Amino acid sequence: MMIFGDAVLLRIFLSNDDTEGRQPLYEAIVIAARRAGLTGATVLRGISGYGRSAHIHEVFHGFAFDLPVVVEIVDTEARINDWLPTLEGLLRGGLVTIESVRTLQKA
């Protein structure tokens, strides 16, 4: 049996060069989400992209610098909203989006 539910998807667009102290920022975000008990987080590394600067970031002759990274977290709207101040304390830039999603889980 499949169970449908309502949730939100939080997406955080970063660079793989962003850090929190000596730790990659995406890793610090995932650890903070886990400590908060959020349902789950996934980190996706892009192979090319650009942001506000319009400078294209990509692998160049086998070297990867400043590649895009997206952290995705899915949970209830209330739990995500409660966790946003923690995220705000970690970020120094980047883009954050929140969208409503329907989840489907096997019971």
Protein backbone atom coordinates (compact mmCIF):
# COMPACT_ATOMS: atom_id res chain seq x y z
CA MET A 1 0.00 0.00 0.00
CA MET A 2 1.23 3.50 -0.88
CA ILE A 3 0.78 6.46 1.47
CA PHE A 4 0.57 9.98 0.07
CA GLY A 5 1.60 13.01 2.08
CA ASP A 6 2.26 16.73 1.80
CA ALA A 7 5.73 18.08 2.46
CA VAL A 8 8.12 20.80 1.35
CA LEU A 9 11.37 20.53 -0.56
CA LEU A 10 14.12 22.86 0.59
CA ARG A 11 16.86 23.39 -2.00
CA ILE A 12 20.11 25.14 -1.16
CA PHE A 13 22.32 26.13 -4.10
CA LEU A 14 26.00 26.46 -3.18
CA SER A 15 29.51 26.07 -4.49
CA ASN A 16 31.60 23.06 -3.54
CA ASP A 17 34.24 25.58 -2.47
CA ASP A 18 31.97 27.08 0.25
CA THR A 19 33.06 26.13 3.76
CA GLU A 20 31.99 26.34 7.38
CA GLY A 21 35.29 26.56 9.19
CA ARG A 22 37.41 23.75 7.69
CA GLN A 23 34.39 21.68 6.67
CA PRO A 24 32.57 21.82 3.32
CA LEU A 25 29.40 23.86 3.82
CA TYR A 26 27.18 21.21 2.24
CA GLU A 27 28.49 18.72 4.81
CA ALA A 28 27.82 21.13 7.71
CA ILE A 29 24.25 21.61 6.43
CA VAL A 30 23.61 17.86 6.20
CA ILE A 31 24.98 17.31 9.72
CA ALA A 32 22.84 20.15 11.10
CA ALA A 33 19.75 18.75 9.37
CA ARG A 34 20.41 15.29 10.81
CA ARG A 35 20.95 16.69 14.31
CA ALA A 36 17.60 18.47 14.01
CA GLY A 37 15.92 15.19 13.09
CA LEU A 38 14.82 16.27 9.62
CA THR A 39 13.58 13.39 7.49
CA GLY A 40 16.44 13.30 5.00
CA ALA A 41 18.98 15.26 2.99
CA THR A 42 20.75 14.66 -0.31
CA VAL A 43 23.73 16.49 -1.80
CA LEU A 44 23.95 16.75 -5.59
CA ARG A 45 27.13 17.95 -7.30
CA GLY A 46 26.75 19.65 -10.66
CA ILE A 47 29.18 19.41 -13.54
CA SER A 48 28.45 22.89 -14.84
CA GLY A 49 26.41 25.95 -13.93
CA TYR A 50 26.34 29.67 -13.36
CA GLY A 51 24.75 32.05 -10.90
CA ARG A 52 24.32 35.75 -10.34
CA SER A 53 27.78 36.55 -11.77
CA ALA A 54 26.91 34.75 -15.04
CA HIS A 55 30.39 33.17 -14.90
CA ILE A 56 30.14 29.54 -16.01
CA HIS A 57 31.63 27.10 -13.50
CA GLU A 58 32.67 23.73 -14.89
CA VAL A 59 35.38 21.11 -15.05
CA PHE A 60 38.31 22.55 -17.01
CA HIS A 61 40.97 20.14 -18.32
CA GLY A 62 40.25 17.68 -15.52
CA PHE A 63 40.31 20.29 -12.75
CA ALA A 64 37.13 21.19 -10.88
CA PHE A 65 36.86 24.57 -9.21
CA ASP A 66 33.80 26.26 -7.76
CA LEU A 67 31.35 23.64 -9.10
CA PRO A 68 27.67 23.94 -8.21
CA VAL A 69 26.28 21.88 -5.32
CA VAL A 70 22.62 21.51 -4.36
CA VAL A 71 21.47 20.26 -0.97
CA GLU A 72 17.89 18.95 -0.96
CA ILE A 73 15.93 18.38 2.24
CA VAL A 74 12.33 17.12 2.40
CA ASP A 75 10.17 17.34 5.52
CA THR A 76 6.98 18.96 6.75
CA GLU A 77 6.58 22.69 6.28
CA ALA A 78 6.55 23.28 10.04
CA ARG A 79 9.79 21.35 10.64
CA ILE A 80 11.57 23.07 7.74
CA ASN A 81 10.40 26.49 8.94
CA ASP A 82 11.62 25.74 12.47
CA TRP A 83 15.05 24.75 11.07
CA LEU A 84 15.52 27.79 8.78
CA PRO A 85 17.24 29.93 11.48
CA THR A 86 19.91 27.20 11.80
CA LEU A 87 20.42 27.26 8.04
CA GLU A 88 20.57 31.05 8.04
CA GLY A 89 23.38 30.87 10.61
CA LEU A 90 25.42 28.66 8.26
CA LEU A 91 24.92 30.55 4.99
CA ARG A 92 26.92 33.50 3.75
CA GLY A 93 25.39 33.51 0.28
CA GLY A 94 23.80 31.14 -2.16
CA LEU A 95 20.19 30.68 -3.12
CA VAL A 96 17.51 28.87 -1.13
CA THR A 97 14.16 27.75 -2.55
CA ILE A 98 11.18 26.09 -0.90
CA GLU A 99 8.42 24.36 -2.80
CA SER A 100 5.43 22.24 -1.90
CA VAL A 101 5.69 18.58 -2.88
CA ARG A 102 3.57 15.46 -2.59
CA THR A 103 5.37 12.45 -1.21
CA LEU A 104 4.66 8.82 -1.90
CA GLN A 105 5.93 6.16 0.48
CA LYS A 106 5.39 2.46 0.67
CA ALA A 107 3.71 1.48 3.94
